[in-house]
Amino acid sequence: MPKITIDETEYEVKEDDQEKMQLLNMLSLGSNALNLLNHIAQCVNAVQQGKTQELKTSLGVKDEEKKPKK
């Protein structure tokens, strides 16, 4: 029997309960999609940071030349 935790309580879902299994499958699909989107966002952020550093280096910007934040 598949299990799901909702609000820190674990529930079992009977596999022959089609309605609950469909909901469980939709929640699983949504969770997987969110994980993938978060991973993609982290990858894009890493590339942005790397390319920003690459541009700063090519412009001759040194860390000590940074302007202080206001």
N, C-alpha and C. Protein backbone atom coordinates (compact mmCIF):
# COMPACT_ATOMS: atom_id res chain seq x y z
N MET A 1 0.84 -1.18 0.00
CA MET A 1 0.00 0.00 0.00
C MET A 1 0.89 1.25 0.00
N PRO A 2 0.65 2.16 -0.93
CA PRO A 2 1.41 3.42 -0.92
C PRO A 2 1.07 4.25 0.31
N LYS A 3 2.06 5.02 0.76
CA LYS A 3 1.87 5.88 1.93
C LYS A 3 2.17 7.31 1.54
N ILE A 4 1.50 8.25 2.21
CA ILE A 4 1.75 9.66 2.02
C ILE A 4 1.70 10.34 3.37
N THR A 5 2.56 11.34 3.55
CA THR A 5 2.56 12.10 4.78
C THR A 5 1.97 13.48 4.51
N ILE A 6 0.94 13.82 5.26
CA ILE A 6 0.27 15.12 5.15
C ILE A 6 0.23 15.72 6.55
N ASP A 7 0.78 16.93 6.67
CA ASP A 7 0.80 17.61 7.97
C ASP A 7 1.37 16.71 9.07
N GLU A 8 2.49 16.06 8.76
CA GLU A 8 3.22 15.22 9.71
C GLU A 8 2.47 13.96 10.15
N THR A 9 1.41 13.60 9.42
CA THR A 9 0.68 12.37 9.70
C THR A 9 0.76 11.48 8.48
N GLU A 10 1.12 10.21 8.68
CA GLU A 10 1.26 9.27 7.58
C GLU A 10 -0.06 8.55 7.33
N TYR A 11 -0.43 8.46 6.05
CA TYR A 11 -1.66 7.78 5.65
C TYR A 11 -1.32 6.70 4.63
N GLU A 12 -2.08 5.60 4.66
CA GLU A 12 -1.95 4.56 3.66
C GLU A 12 -3.10 4.72 2.66
N VAL A 13 -2.79 4.50 1.39
CA VAL A 13 -3.80 4.61 0.34
C VAL A 13 -3.97 3.23 -0.28
N LYS A 14 -5.19 2.74 -0.27
CA LYS A 14 -5.46 1.44 -0.87
C LYS A 14 -5.35 1.57 -2.39
N GLU A 15 -4.62 0.64 -2.99
CA GLU A 15 -4.39 0.71 -4.43
C GLU A 15 -5.66 0.54 -5.25
N ASP A 16 -6.70 -0.05 -4.69
CA ASP A 16 -7.94 -0.22 -5.45
C ASP A 16 -8.86 1.01 -5.33
N ASP A 17 -8.45 2.03 -4.58
CA ASP A 17 -9.22 3.28 -4.48
C ASP A 17 -8.70 4.23 -5.57
N GLN A 18 -9.32 4.15 -6.74
CA GLN A 18 -8.84 4.88 -7.91
C GLN A 18 -8.79 6.38 -7.71
N GLU A 19 -9.77 6.93 -7.04
CA GLU A 19 -9.81 8.38 -6.83
C GLU A 19 -8.61 8.85 -6.01
N LYS A 20 -8.35 8.15 -4.90
CA LYS A 20 -7.22 8.54 -4.05
C LYS A 20 -5.89 8.27 -4.74
N MET A 21 -5.81 7.19 -5.51
CA MET A 21 -4.57 6.89 -6.24
C MET A 21 -4.30 7.95 -7.30
N GLN A 22 -5.34 8.44 -7.96
CA GLN A 22 -5.15 9.51 -8.94
C GLN A 22 -4.64 10.78 -8.26
N LEU A 23 -5.20 11.11 -7.10
CA LEU A 23 -4.73 12.27 -6.36
C LEU A 23 -3.29 12.09 -5.91
N LEU A 24 -2.96 10.92 -5.43
CA LEU A 24 -1.60 10.62 -4.99
C LEU A 24 -0.62 10.73 -6.16
N ASN A 25 -1.01 10.20 -7.31
CA ASN A 25 -0.16 10.28 -8.50
C ASN A 25 0.02 11.73 -8.95
N MET A 26 -1.03 12.53 -8.88
CA MET A 26 -0.93 13.94 -9.26
C MET A 26 -0.01 14.69 -8.32
N LEU A 27 -0.11 14.40 -7.02
CA LEU A 27 0.78 15.03 -6.04
C LEU A 27 2.23 14.63 -6.28
N SER A 28 2.45 13.38 -6.61
CA SER A 28 3.80 12.89 -6.89
C SER A 28 4.36 13.56 -8.14
N LEU A 29 3.55 13.68 -9.18
CA LEU A 29 3.97 14.35 -10.40
C LEU A 29 4.31 15.81 -10.13
N GLY A 30 3.48 16.49 -9.35
CA GLY A 30 3.73 17.89 -9.00
C GLY A 30 5.02 18.05 -8.21
N SER A 31 5.25 17.16 -7.28
CA SER A 31 6.46 17.21 -6.48
C SER A 31 7.70 17.00 -7.35
N ASN A 32 7.63 16.04 -8.26
CA ASN A 32 8.75 15.80 -9.17
C ASN A 32 9.00 17.01 -10.07
N ALA A 33 7.94 17.63 -10.56
CA ALA A 33 8.07 18.81 -11.41
C ALA A 33 8.71 19.97 -10.65
N LEU A 34 8.28 20.18 -9.41
CA LEU A 34 8.87 21.25 -8.59
C LEU A 34 10.35 21.00 -8.34
N ASN A 35 10.71 19.76 -8.05
CA ASN A 35 12.12 19.43 -7.84
C ASN A 35 12.95 19.71 -9.10
N LEU A 36 12.41 19.34 -10.26
CA LEU A 36 13.11 19.58 -11.51
C LEU A 36 13.24 21.08 -11.78
N LEU A 37 12.18 21.84 -11.57
CA LEU A 37 12.23 23.29 -11.78
C LEU A 37 13.22 23.95 -10.82
N ASN A 38 13.26 23.52 -9.58
CA ASN A 38 14.24 24.06 -8.63
C ASN A 38 15.66 23.76 -9.08
N HIS A 39 15.88 22.55 -9.58
CA HIS A 39 17.20 22.17 -10.08
C HIS A 39 17.59 23.04 -11.28
N ILE A 40 16.66 23.25 -12.19
CA ILE A 40 16.93 24.08 -13.36
C ILE A 40 17.27 25.51 -12.92
N ALA A 41 16.51 26.06 -11.97
CA ALA A 41 16.77 27.42 -11.48
C ALA A 41 18.17 27.51 -10.86
N GLN A 42 18.57 26.49 -10.09
CA GLN A 42 19.89 26.49 -9.49
C GLN A 42 20.98 26.43 -10.56
N CYS A 43 20.76 25.66 -11.61
CA CYS A 43 21.73 25.57 -12.71
C CYS A 43 21.86 26.91 -13.43
N VAL A 44 20.73 27.55 -13.72
CA VAL A 44 20.75 28.84 -14.40
C VAL A 44 21.45 29.87 -13.52
N ASN A 45 21.18 29.87 -12.22
CA ASN A 45 21.82 30.79 -11.30
C ASN A 45 23.34 30.59 -11.27
N ALA A 46 23.77 29.33 -11.27
CA ALA A 46 25.20 29.04 -11.27
C ALA A 46 25.87 29.55 -12.54
N VAL A 47 25.22 29.36 -13.67
CA VAL A 47 25.76 29.86 -14.94
C VAL A 47 25.82 31.38 -14.92
N GLN A 48 24.77 32.02 -14.42
CA GLN A 48 24.75 33.48 -14.34
C GLN A 48 25.91 34.00 -13.49
N GLN A 49 26.12 33.38 -12.35
CA GLN A 49 27.22 33.80 -11.48
C GLN A 49 28.57 33.60 -12.15
N GLY A 50 28.73 32.47 -12.80
CA GLY A 50 29.99 32.19 -13.49
C GLY A 50 30.26 33.17 -14.62
N LYS A 51 29.23 33.45 -15.41
CA LYS A 51 29.39 34.38 -16.54
C LYS A 51 29.60 35.81 -16.06
N THR A 52 28.97 36.17 -14.94
CA THR A 52 29.20 37.49 -14.36
C THR A 52 30.66 37.62 -13.93
N GLN A 53 31.17 36.58 -13.28
CA GLN A 53 32.57 36.60 -12.86
C GLN A 53 33.50 36.64 -14.07
N GLU A 54 33.15 35.89 -15.11
CA GLU A 54 33.95 35.88 -16.34
C GLU A 54 33.99 37.27 -16.97
N LEU A 55 32.85 37.95 -17.01
CA LEU A 55 32.79 39.31 -17.57
C LEU A 55 33.60 40.27 -16.72
N LYS A 56 33.47 40.18 -15.40
CA LYS A 56 34.24 41.05 -14.51
C LYS A 56 35.75 40.86 -14.73
N THR A 57 36.16 39.61 -14.87
CA THR A 57 37.58 39.32 -15.11
C THR A 57 38.03 39.91 -16.44
N SER A 58 37.22 39.75 -17.48
CA SER A 58 37.60 40.27 -18.79
C SER A 58 37.61 41.80 -18.81
N LEU A 59 36.85 42.43 -17.92
CA LEU A 59 36.84 43.90 -17.82
C LEU A 59 37.94 44.41 -16.89
N GLY A 60 38.63 43.49 -16.24
CA GLY A 60 39.70 43.89 -15.34
C GLY A 60 39.22 44.33 -13.98
N VAL A 61 38.01 43.96 -13.62
CA VAL A 61 37.46 44.34 -12.32
C VAL A 61 38.08 43.44 -11.25
N LYS A 62 38.60 44.07 -10.21
CA LYS A 62 39.18 43.32 -9.10
C LYS A 62 38.27 43.45 -7.89
N ASP A 63 38.31 42.47 -7.01
CA ASP A 63 37.44 42.47 -5.85
C ASP A 63 37.58 43.72 -5.00
N GLU A 64 38.79 44.26 -4.86
CA GLU A 64 38.97 45.44 -4.02
C GLU A 64 38.40 46.71 -4.67
N GLU A 65 38.03 46.63 -5.96
CA GLU A 65 37.45 47.78 -6.65
C GLU A 65 35.94 47.87 -6.48
N LYS A 66 35.37 46.91 -5.79
CA LYS A 66 33.91 46.90 -5.60
C LYS A 66 33.50 48.14 -4.83
N LYS A 67 32.38 48.69 -5.24
CA LYS A 67 31.84 49.84 -4.51
C LYS A 67 31.08 49.31 -3.30
N PRO A 68 31.17 50.01 -2.18
CA PRO A 68 30.42 49.56 -1.00
C PRO A 68 28.92 49.68 -1.23
N LYS A 69 28.17 48.75 -0.67
CA LYS A 69 26.72 48.81 -0.76
C LYS A 69 26.18 49.89 0.14
N LYS A 70 25.13 50.53 -0.32
CA LYS A 70 24.52 51.60 0.48
C LYS A 70 23.41 51.05 1.32
